[in-house]
Amino acid sequence: LTSEYQEKFANYLNLMENETDRCSRIVSNLLAFSRKSELEFTDVNINELVEKCLLLSGHKLKLSNIATELELQEGLPPVSGDYNQMQQCIINLIFNSIDAMPTGGKLLVATSYNQSERNISIQVTDTGCGISKTDLPHIFEPFFTTKSEGQGLGLGLSMVEGIIERHKGNIEVTSEVGKGTTFTIYLPINNST
């Protein structure tokens, strides 16, 4: 074989490997979305969870030229929840914010406790491109995405909403095109009621 053919063959192999990996990730996401694994409830310190999520996302945030700000209310009561799945939700929201700020920006993550509602809120706010009024009602629908082909499956927010609902909480979103988006997760401090 000539070096030209070897190079062509290597390129094809590389392409096949990349596409196989992409298909594998799609199947993994579909399986994760379709199966409802058992939740393992423990007492979760929300502020520690948020700080860990930002630590895990720190490298990607820095590379994306995004400044972060934390506003964590002290002395929050613990929430009963599945730590790993709650972590997955917050990281998903952070990564969505990163995608919405391709030229950089600011990410604010805030927590607070509403004593009368007996819930804790986690707010993720970005200064990104925002979500249009026509897209906003659909963002939690499975397979709905505003990202270009190959960039997202549209399962992320649907999965986040599903996990939050299984924790007896809810998630809300406000957005303005060109100014940014805020996702707010509300979690009850006692899931047994």
Protein backbone atom coordinates (compact mmCIF):
# COMPACT_ATOMS: atom_id res chain seq x y z
CA LEU A 1 0.00 0.00 0.00
CA THR A 2 1.22 3.47 -0.83
CA SER A 3 1.41 6.10 1.87
CA GLU A 4 -1.50 7.96 0.20
CA TYR A 5 -3.76 4.91 0.56
CA GLN A 6 -2.57 4.34 4.12
CA GLU A 7 -3.42 7.93 5.01
CA LYS A 8 -6.87 7.64 3.38
CA PHE A 9 -7.48 4.34 5.20
CA ALA A 10 -6.39 5.89 8.53
CA ASN A 11 -8.77 8.82 7.96
CA TYR A 12 -11.67 6.44 7.28
CA LEU A 13 -10.86 4.44 10.41
CA ASN A 14 -10.70 7.62 12.45
CA LEU A 15 -14.06 8.77 11.04
CA MET A 16 -15.61 5.36 11.82
CA GLU A 17 -14.24 5.48 15.38
CA ASN A 18 -15.63 8.99 15.95
CA GLU A 19 -19.06 8.11 14.55
CA THR A 20 -19.18 4.85 16.56
CA ASP A 21 -18.36 6.83 19.70
CA ARG A 22 -21.08 9.38 18.86
CA CYS A 23 -23.65 6.61 18.30
CA SER A 24 -22.61 4.99 21.57
CA ARG A 25 -23.21 8.26 23.44
CA ILE A 26 -26.61 8.67 21.80
CA VAL A 27 -27.64 5.14 22.83
CA SER A 28 -26.31 5.71 26.38
CA ASN A 29 -28.31 8.92 26.68
CA LEU A 30 -31.45 7.23 25.37
CA LEU A 31 -31.04 4.36 27.84
CA ALA A 32 -30.42 6.74 30.74
CA PHE A 33 -33.49 8.73 29.72
CA SER A 34 -35.75 5.69 29.32
CA ARG A 35 -34.93 3.79 32.48
CA LYS A 36 -35.94 5.17 35.82
CA SER A 37 -33.24 3.87 38.13
CA GLU A 38 -34.00 3.71 41.83
CA LEU A 39 -33.18 6.90 43.69
CA GLU A 40 -30.88 6.59 46.69
CA PHE A 41 -32.10 9.24 49.13
CA THR A 42 -29.70 10.73 51.65
CA ASP A 43 -29.47 14.09 53.41
CA VAL A 44 -27.88 16.48 50.91
CA ASN A 45 -26.15 19.73 51.82
CA ILE A 46 -27.19 21.87 48.83
CA ASN A 47 -24.42 24.46 49.21
CA GLU A 48 -21.73 21.74 49.24
CA LEU A 49 -23.38 20.13 46.20
CA VAL A 50 -23.41 23.42 44.27
CA GLU A 51 -19.76 24.12 45.13
CA LYS A 52 -18.77 20.63 43.96
CA CYS A 53 -20.67 21.09 40.68
CA LEU A 54 -18.85 24.38 40.03
CA LEU A 55 -15.54 22.74 40.88
CA LEU A 56 -16.25 19.92 38.41
CA SER A 57 -17.27 22.46 35.74
CA GLY A 58 -14.45 24.89 36.54
CA HIS A 59 -12.10 23.93 33.71
CA LYS A 60 -14.83 24.18 31.05
CA LEU A 61 -16.01 27.52 32.47
CA LYS A 62 -12.46 28.92 32.42
CA LEU A 63 -11.84 27.74 28.85
CA SER A 64 -15.14 29.37 27.82
CA ASN A 65 -14.13 32.71 29.37
CA ILE A 66 -17.03 32.64 31.84
CA ALA A 67 -16.80 34.38 35.21
CA THR A 68 -18.66 32.68 38.04
CA GLU A 69 -20.36 34.12 41.07
CA LEU A 70 -21.78 32.24 44.04
CA GLU A 71 -24.52 33.54 46.33
CA LEU A 72 -25.09 30.77 48.83
CA GLN A 73 -27.41 31.36 51.79
CA GLU A 74 -25.78 30.05 54.93
CA GLY A 75 -27.38 27.52 57.26
CA LEU A 76 -29.66 25.81 54.72
CA PRO A 77 -31.48 22.76 56.11
CA PRO A 78 -30.56 19.52 54.30
CA VAL A 79 -32.66 18.21 51.44
CA SER A 80 -33.54 14.53 51.13
CA GLY A 81 -32.35 13.48 47.68
CA ASP A 82 -30.21 11.35 45.40
CA TYR A 83 -26.85 13.14 45.45
CA ASN A 84 -25.60 11.85 42.07
CA GLN A 85 -28.79 12.66 40.19
CA MET A 86 -29.07 16.11 41.76
CA GLN A 87 -25.44 16.73 40.79
CA GLN A 88 -26.27 15.63 37.24
CA CYS A 89 -29.11 18.20 37.12
CA ILE A 90 -27.01 21.16 38.25
CA ILE A 91 -24.05 20.29 35.99
CA ASN A 92 -26.47 19.93 33.07
CA LEU A 93 -27.82 23.44 33.74
CA ILE A 94 -24.28 24.83 34.04
CA PHE A 95 -23.24 23.20 30.75
CA ASN A 96 -26.36 24.59 29.04
CA SER A 97 -25.37 28.04 30.29
CA ILE A 98 -21.85 27.57 28.91
CA ASP A 99 -23.33 26.64 25.51
CA ALA A 100 -25.50 29.78 25.64
CA MET A 101 -22.39 31.98 26.12
CA PRO A 102 -20.06 31.02 23.24
CA THR A 103 -18.11 34.28 23.54
CA GLY A 104 -17.96 34.24 27.34
CA GLY A 105 -20.07 35.89 29.99
CA LYS A 106 -21.12 35.52 33.59
CA LEU A 107 -22.69 32.63 35.46
CA LEU A 108 -24.41 33.16 38.81
CA VAL A 109 -25.42 30.23 41.00
CA ALA A 110 -27.48 31.12 44.07
CA THR A 111 -29.22 29.17 46.82
CA SER A 112 -31.87 30.26 49.30
CA TYR A 113 -34.31 28.86 51.83
CA ASN A 114 -37.98 29.84 51.85
CA GLN A 115 -39.20 29.01 55.36
CA SER A 116 -42.91 29.56 54.66
CA GLU A 117 -42.83 27.34 51.53
CA ARG A 118 -40.47 24.89 53.28
CA ASN A 119 -38.28 24.63 50.21
CA ILE A 120 -34.79 25.39 49.00
CA SER A 121 -34.14 27.03 45.64
CA ILE A 122 -31.12 26.66 43.39
CA GLN A 123 -30.83 29.37 40.77
CA VAL A 124 -28.58 29.14 37.71
CA THR A 125 -28.41 32.44 35.80
CA ASP A 126 -26.38 33.21 32.69
CA THR A 127 -25.81 36.26 30.51
CA GLY A 128 -26.16 34.21 27.33
CA CYS A 129 -28.21 34.34 24.16
CA GLY A 130 -31.52 33.61 25.91
CA ILE A 131 -34.44 31.48 24.73
CA SER A 132 -37.09 32.79 22.35
CA LYS A 133 -40.72 33.07 23.47
CA THR A 134 -41.69 30.45 20.87
CA ASP A 135 -39.09 27.93 22.11
CA LEU A 136 -39.59 28.55 25.85
CA PRO A 137 -42.77 26.42 26.26
CA HIS A 138 -41.04 23.42 24.63
CA ILE A 139 -37.61 23.28 26.27
CA PHE A 140 -38.52 20.46 28.70
CA GLU A 141 -39.97 18.26 25.94
CA PRO A 142 -37.93 15.16 25.09
CA PHE A 143 -35.81 15.58 21.92
CA PHE A 144 -36.53 19.32 21.64
CA THR A 145 -33.30 21.22 21.08
CA THR A 146 -32.25 24.61 19.76
CA LYS A 147 -28.67 23.39 19.24
CA SER A 148 -27.31 22.60 15.80
CA GLU A 149 -27.28 19.00 14.58
CA GLY A 150 -24.79 16.83 16.42
CA GLN A 151 -24.52 19.29 19.33
CA GLY A 152 -27.35 18.01 21.51
CA LEU A 153 -30.10 15.43 21.66
CA GLY A 154 -32.68 17.49 23.50
CA LEU A 155 -32.74 15.06 26.43
CA GLY A 156 -30.87 17.17 28.98
CA LEU A 157 -33.63 19.46 30.24
CA SER A 158 -36.25 16.73 29.94
CA MET A 159 -34.07 14.53 32.14
CA VAL A 160 -33.49 17.38 34.62
CA GLU A 161 -37.23 17.99 34.93
CA GLY A 162 -37.88 14.26 35.42
CA ILE A 163 -35.30 14.00 38.22
CA ILE A 164 -36.60 17.12 39.98
CA GLU A 165 -40.20 15.83 39.79
CA ARG A 166 -39.07 12.52 41.32
CA HIS A 167 -37.67 14.58 44.19
CA LYS A 168 -41.14 16.17 44.58
CA GLY A 169 -39.73 19.50 43.44
CA ASN A 170 -40.20 21.66 40.37
CA ILE A 171 -38.17 23.72 37.94
CA GLU A 172 -38.99 27.09 36.39
CA VAL A 173 -37.31 29.16 33.70
CA THR A 174 -37.30 32.83 32.76
CA SER A 175 -35.41 34.12 29.75
CA GLU A 176 -34.89 37.16 27.58
CA VAL A 177 -33.31 36.91 24.14
CA GLY A 178 -29.90 38.58 24.09
CA LYS A 179 -29.83 39.06 27.86
CA GLY A 180 -29.79 35.61 29.45
CA THR A 181 -31.67 32.84 31.19
CA THR A 182 -32.45 31.80 34.77
CA PHE A 183 -33.37 28.26 35.75
CA THR A 184 -34.70 27.86 39.29
CA ILE A 185 -35.01 24.46 40.97
CA TYR A 186 -37.28 24.23 44.02
CA LEU A 187 -36.79 21.27 46.36
CA PRO A 188 -38.82 20.50 49.48
CA ILE A 189 -36.78 20.20 52.64
CA ASN A 190 -38.76 17.11 53.67
CA ASN A 191 -39.72 14.65 50.94
CA SER A 192 -41.65 12.33 53.22
CA THR A 193 -44.64 14.69 53.37
